[in-house]
Amino acid sequence: METQETRVAAIAILVEVPESVDTLNALLHDYAPYIRGRMGIPDHERGVNVICLVLDAPMDTINALSGKLGRLPGVSAKAVTPKSTK
């Protein structure tokens, strides 16, 4: 079995619908082996929560998680990876 190359990535997540949090946390639990760090910042005045993830995962996994998060109601997600593959 061939091992896939992993990459470091960051996913920025904006949560505007609190009802999506349980599903979001379940997704993050499913991808926990790839998550190296997580930081959450609530902004109660604007009604948005910001979550930043750092991952070490294959690109397919990074894209899958980002896509699943972005399809949740009231959740926006964007993945960023380094330009080089060092």
N, C-alpha and C. Protein backbone atom coordinates (compact mmCIF):
# COMPACT_ATOMS: atom_id res chain seq x y z
N MET A 1 0.84 -1.19 0.00
CA MET A 1 0.00 0.00 0.00
C MET A 1 0.88 1.24 0.00
N GLU A 2 0.58 2.17 -0.87
CA GLU A 2 1.36 3.39 -1.02
C GLU A 2 0.93 4.44 -0.01
N THR A 3 1.90 5.09 0.66
CA THR A 3 1.61 6.14 1.61
C THR A 3 1.48 7.47 0.88
N GLN A 4 0.41 8.21 1.16
CA GLN A 4 0.21 9.51 0.52
C GLN A 4 1.08 10.56 1.18
N GLU A 5 1.57 11.47 0.36
CA GLU A 5 2.35 12.59 0.87
C GLU A 5 1.42 13.55 1.63
N THR A 6 1.87 14.00 2.79
CA THR A 6 1.07 14.94 3.56
C THR A 6 1.62 16.35 3.39
N ARG A 7 0.76 17.31 3.68
CA ARG A 7 1.14 18.72 3.60
C ARG A 7 0.63 19.43 4.85
N VAL A 8 1.29 20.49 5.19
CA VAL A 8 0.80 21.36 6.26
C VAL A 8 -0.23 22.29 5.63
N ALA A 9 -1.32 22.51 6.33
CA ALA A 9 -2.36 23.41 5.83
C ALA A 9 -3.02 24.11 7.01
N ALA A 10 -3.63 25.24 6.72
CA ALA A 10 -4.45 25.94 7.70
C ALA A 10 -5.85 26.06 7.11
N ILE A 11 -6.85 25.84 7.94
CA ILE A 11 -8.23 26.06 7.52
C ILE A 11 -8.82 27.13 8.44
N ALA A 12 -9.31 28.20 7.82
CA ALA A 12 -10.01 29.26 8.57
C ALA A 12 -11.50 28.96 8.47
N ILE A 13 -12.18 28.96 9.61
CA ILE A 13 -13.60 28.63 9.66
C ILE A 13 -14.34 29.78 10.35
N LEU A 14 -15.40 30.26 9.72
CA LEU A 14 -16.26 31.28 10.32
C LEU A 14 -17.63 30.65 10.54
N VAL A 15 -18.11 30.72 11.78
CA VAL A 15 -19.39 30.11 12.14
C VAL A 15 -20.37 31.21 12.53
N GLU A 16 -21.45 31.33 11.75
CA GLU A 16 -22.47 32.35 12.02
C GLU A 16 -23.78 31.75 12.51
N VAL A 17 -23.93 30.43 12.41
CA VAL A 17 -25.15 29.74 12.83
C VAL A 17 -24.78 28.77 13.95
N PRO A 18 -25.11 29.09 15.19
CA PRO A 18 -24.73 28.24 16.32
C PRO A 18 -25.25 26.81 16.22
N GLU A 19 -26.36 26.61 15.53
CA GLU A 19 -26.93 25.26 15.40
C GLU A 19 -26.02 24.32 14.60
N SER A 20 -25.05 24.85 13.87
CA SER A 20 -24.13 24.02 13.08
C SER A 20 -22.93 23.53 13.90
N VAL A 21 -22.78 24.01 15.12
CA VAL A 21 -21.58 23.71 15.91
C VAL A 21 -21.46 22.22 16.25
N ASP A 22 -22.55 21.56 16.58
CA ASP A 22 -22.47 20.14 16.92
C ASP A 22 -21.97 19.32 15.73
N THR A 23 -22.50 19.59 14.55
CA THR A 23 -22.05 18.88 13.35
C THR A 23 -20.61 19.23 13.02
N LEU A 24 -20.25 20.49 13.18
CA LEU A 24 -18.87 20.92 12.94
C LEU A 24 -17.91 20.18 13.87
N ASN A 25 -18.25 20.12 15.15
CA ASN A 25 -17.37 19.43 16.11
C ASN A 25 -17.28 17.93 15.81
N ALA A 26 -18.36 17.33 15.34
CA ALA A 26 -18.33 15.91 14.96
C ALA A 26 -17.38 15.69 13.79
N LEU A 27 -17.41 16.60 12.82
CA LEU A 27 -16.47 16.51 11.69
C LEU A 27 -15.03 16.64 12.16
N LEU A 28 -14.78 17.60 13.03
CA LEU A 28 -13.42 17.78 13.53
C LEU A 28 -12.96 16.55 14.31
N HIS A 29 -13.86 15.92 15.02
CA HIS A 29 -13.53 14.69 15.73
C HIS A 29 -13.13 13.59 14.74
N ASP A 30 -13.88 13.49 13.63
CA ASP A 30 -13.57 12.48 12.61
C ASP A 30 -12.19 12.70 11.99
N TYR A 31 -11.76 13.94 11.89
CA TYR A 31 -10.48 14.28 11.27
C TYR A 31 -9.38 14.55 12.31
N ALA A 32 -9.63 14.22 13.56
CA ALA A 32 -8.69 14.49 14.66
C ALA A 32 -7.27 13.98 14.42
N PRO A 33 -7.07 12.82 13.79
CA PRO A 33 -5.69 12.36 13.58
C PRO A 33 -4.85 13.32 12.73
N TYR A 34 -5.49 14.16 11.95
CA TYR A 34 -4.76 15.08 11.06
C TYR A 34 -4.60 16.48 11.66
N ILE A 35 -5.36 16.79 12.72
CA ILE A 35 -5.36 18.13 13.28
C ILE A 35 -4.20 18.28 14.27
N ARG A 36 -3.33 19.25 14.01
CA ARG A 36 -2.18 19.51 14.87
C ARG A 36 -2.44 20.63 15.86
N GLY A 37 -3.40 21.49 15.54
CA GLY A 37 -3.72 22.58 16.45
C GLY A 37 -5.05 23.20 16.09
N ARG A 38 -5.70 23.76 17.11
CA ARG A 38 -7.00 24.39 16.91
C ARG A 38 -7.10 25.58 17.85
N MET A 39 -7.57 26.71 17.31
CA MET A 39 -7.77 27.91 18.11
C MET A 39 -9.14 28.47 17.77
N GLY A 40 -9.92 28.79 18.77
CA GLY A 40 -11.24 29.37 18.55
C GLY A 40 -11.36 30.72 19.22
N ILE A 41 -11.96 31.65 18.49
CA ILE A 41 -12.14 33.01 19.01
C ILE A 41 -13.60 33.41 18.80
N PRO A 42 -14.38 33.55 19.88
CA PRO A 42 -15.76 34.01 19.71
C PRO A 42 -15.82 35.53 19.60
N ASP A 43 -16.66 36.03 18.72
CA ASP A 43 -16.91 37.47 18.62
C ASP A 43 -18.41 37.66 18.84
N HIS A 44 -18.78 37.82 20.10
CA HIS A 44 -20.19 37.91 20.47
C HIS A 44 -20.87 39.15 19.89
N GLU A 45 -20.14 40.24 19.77
CA GLU A 45 -20.72 41.48 19.24
C GLU A 45 -21.16 41.33 17.79
N ARG A 46 -20.38 40.59 17.01
CA ARG A 46 -20.69 40.40 15.58
C ARG A 46 -21.45 39.11 15.31
N GLY A 47 -21.59 38.28 16.33
CA GLY A 47 -22.33 37.04 16.16
C GLY A 47 -21.62 36.02 15.29
N VAL A 48 -20.31 35.98 15.39
CA VAL A 48 -19.51 35.04 14.60
C VAL A 48 -18.42 34.43 15.47
N ASN A 49 -18.14 33.17 15.23
CA ASN A 49 -17.02 32.51 15.89
C ASN A 49 -15.99 32.17 14.84
N VAL A 50 -14.72 32.39 15.16
CA VAL A 50 -13.63 32.11 14.24
C VAL A 50 -12.84 30.93 14.79
N ILE A 51 -12.63 29.93 13.95
CA ILE A 51 -11.83 28.77 14.33
C ILE A 51 -10.70 28.64 13.31
N CYS A 52 -9.49 28.47 13.81
CA CYS A 52 -8.34 28.24 12.94
C CYS A 52 -7.78 26.85 13.24
N LEU A 53 -7.64 26.04 12.19
CA LEU A 53 -7.07 24.70 12.32
C LEU A 53 -5.73 24.64 11.62
N VAL A 54 -4.81 23.87 12.17
CA VAL A 54 -3.56 23.53 11.49
C VAL A 54 -3.59 22.02 11.30
N LEU A 55 -3.38 21.59 10.05
CA LEU A 55 -3.44 20.19 9.70
C LEU A 55 -2.12 19.70 9.12
N ASP A 56 -1.88 18.42 9.23
CA ASP A 56 -0.83 17.73 8.49
C ASP A 56 -1.52 16.53 7.89
N ALA A 57 -1.85 16.61 6.59
CA ALA A 57 -2.70 15.61 5.98
C ALA A 57 -2.48 15.57 4.47
N PRO A 58 -2.92 14.50 3.81
CA PRO A 58 -2.91 14.48 2.34
C PRO A 58 -3.84 15.57 1.80
N MET A 59 -3.54 16.09 0.62
CA MET A 59 -4.36 17.16 0.03
C MET A 59 -5.81 16.74 -0.12
N ASP A 60 -6.07 15.50 -0.48
CA ASP A 60 -7.45 15.04 -0.62
C ASP A 60 -8.21 15.17 0.71
N THR A 61 -7.54 14.88 1.80
CA THR A 61 -8.15 14.97 3.13
C THR A 61 -8.41 16.43 3.50
N ILE A 62 -7.45 17.29 3.23
CA ILE A 62 -7.60 18.72 3.51
C ILE A 62 -8.79 19.29 2.74
N ASN A 63 -8.86 18.97 1.45
CA ASN A 63 -9.95 19.48 0.62
C ASN A 63 -11.30 18.90 1.04
N ALA A 64 -11.32 17.63 1.42
CA ALA A 64 -12.57 17.01 1.85
C ALA A 64 -13.10 17.68 3.12
N LEU A 65 -12.24 17.89 4.10
CA LEU A 65 -12.68 18.52 5.34
C LEU A 65 -13.15 19.95 5.09
N SER A 66 -12.38 20.72 4.33
CA SER A 66 -12.75 22.10 4.04
C SER A 66 -14.09 22.15 3.32
N GLY A 67 -14.32 21.26 2.37
CA GLY A 67 -15.57 21.22 1.64
C GLY A 67 -16.75 20.86 2.52
N LYS A 68 -16.57 19.85 3.37
CA LYS A 68 -17.65 19.44 4.27
C LYS A 68 -18.01 20.56 5.25
N LEU A 69 -17.00 21.24 5.76
CA LEU A 69 -17.25 22.35 6.67
C LEU A 69 -18.00 23.47 5.97
N GLY A 70 -17.57 23.81 4.76
CA GLY A 70 -18.19 24.90 4.01
C GLY A 70 -19.62 24.63 3.59
N ARG A 71 -20.03 23.37 3.57
CA ARG A 71 -21.40 23.03 3.21
C ARG A 71 -22.37 23.08 4.40
N LEU A 72 -21.84 23.26 5.60
CA LEU A 72 -22.71 23.38 6.77
C LEU A 72 -23.43 24.74 6.74
N PRO A 73 -24.69 24.78 7.17
CA PRO A 73 -25.42 26.06 7.19
C PRO A 73 -24.71 27.10 8.05
N GLY A 74 -24.49 28.28 7.48
CA GLY A 74 -23.90 29.38 8.23
C GLY A 74 -22.43 29.21 8.56
N VAL A 75 -21.75 28.33 7.84
CA VAL A 75 -20.31 28.09 8.07
C VAL A 75 -19.56 28.35 6.78
N SER A 76 -18.49 29.14 6.87
CA SER A 76 -17.58 29.37 5.75
C SER A 76 -16.23 28.78 6.11
N ALA A 77 -15.58 28.14 5.15
CA ALA A 77 -14.27 27.55 5.42
C ALA A 77 -13.37 27.72 4.20
N LYS A 78 -12.10 28.00 4.47
CA LYS A 78 -11.12 28.19 3.39
C LYS A 78 -9.80 27.57 3.83
N ALA A 79 -9.25 26.70 2.98
CA ALA A 79 -7.97 26.07 3.27
C ALA A 79 -6.85 26.82 2.57
N VAL A 80 -5.72 26.89 3.25
CA VAL A 80 -4.51 27.52 2.70
C VAL A 80 -3.35 26.56 2.89
N THR A 81 -2.56 26.38 1.83
CA THR A 81 -1.37 25.53 1.90
C THR A 81 -0.17 26.32 1.40
N PRO A 82 1.02 25.92 1.82
CA PRO A 82 2.22 26.60 1.33
C PRO A 82 2.37 26.41 -0.18
N LYS A 83 3.01 27.36 -0.83
CA LYS A 83 3.24 27.26 -2.27
C LYS A 83 4.24 26.16 -2.60
N SER A 84 5.23 25.97 -1.73
CA SER A 84 6.23 24.93 -1.99
C SER A 84 5.81 23.64 -1.33
N THR A 85 6.36 22.53 -1.80
CA THR A 85 6.03 21.22 -1.22
C THR A 85 7.19 20.66 -0.42
N LYS A 86 8.09 21.51 0.05
CA LYS A 86 9.25 21.07 0.84
C LYS A 86 8.84 20.30 2.05
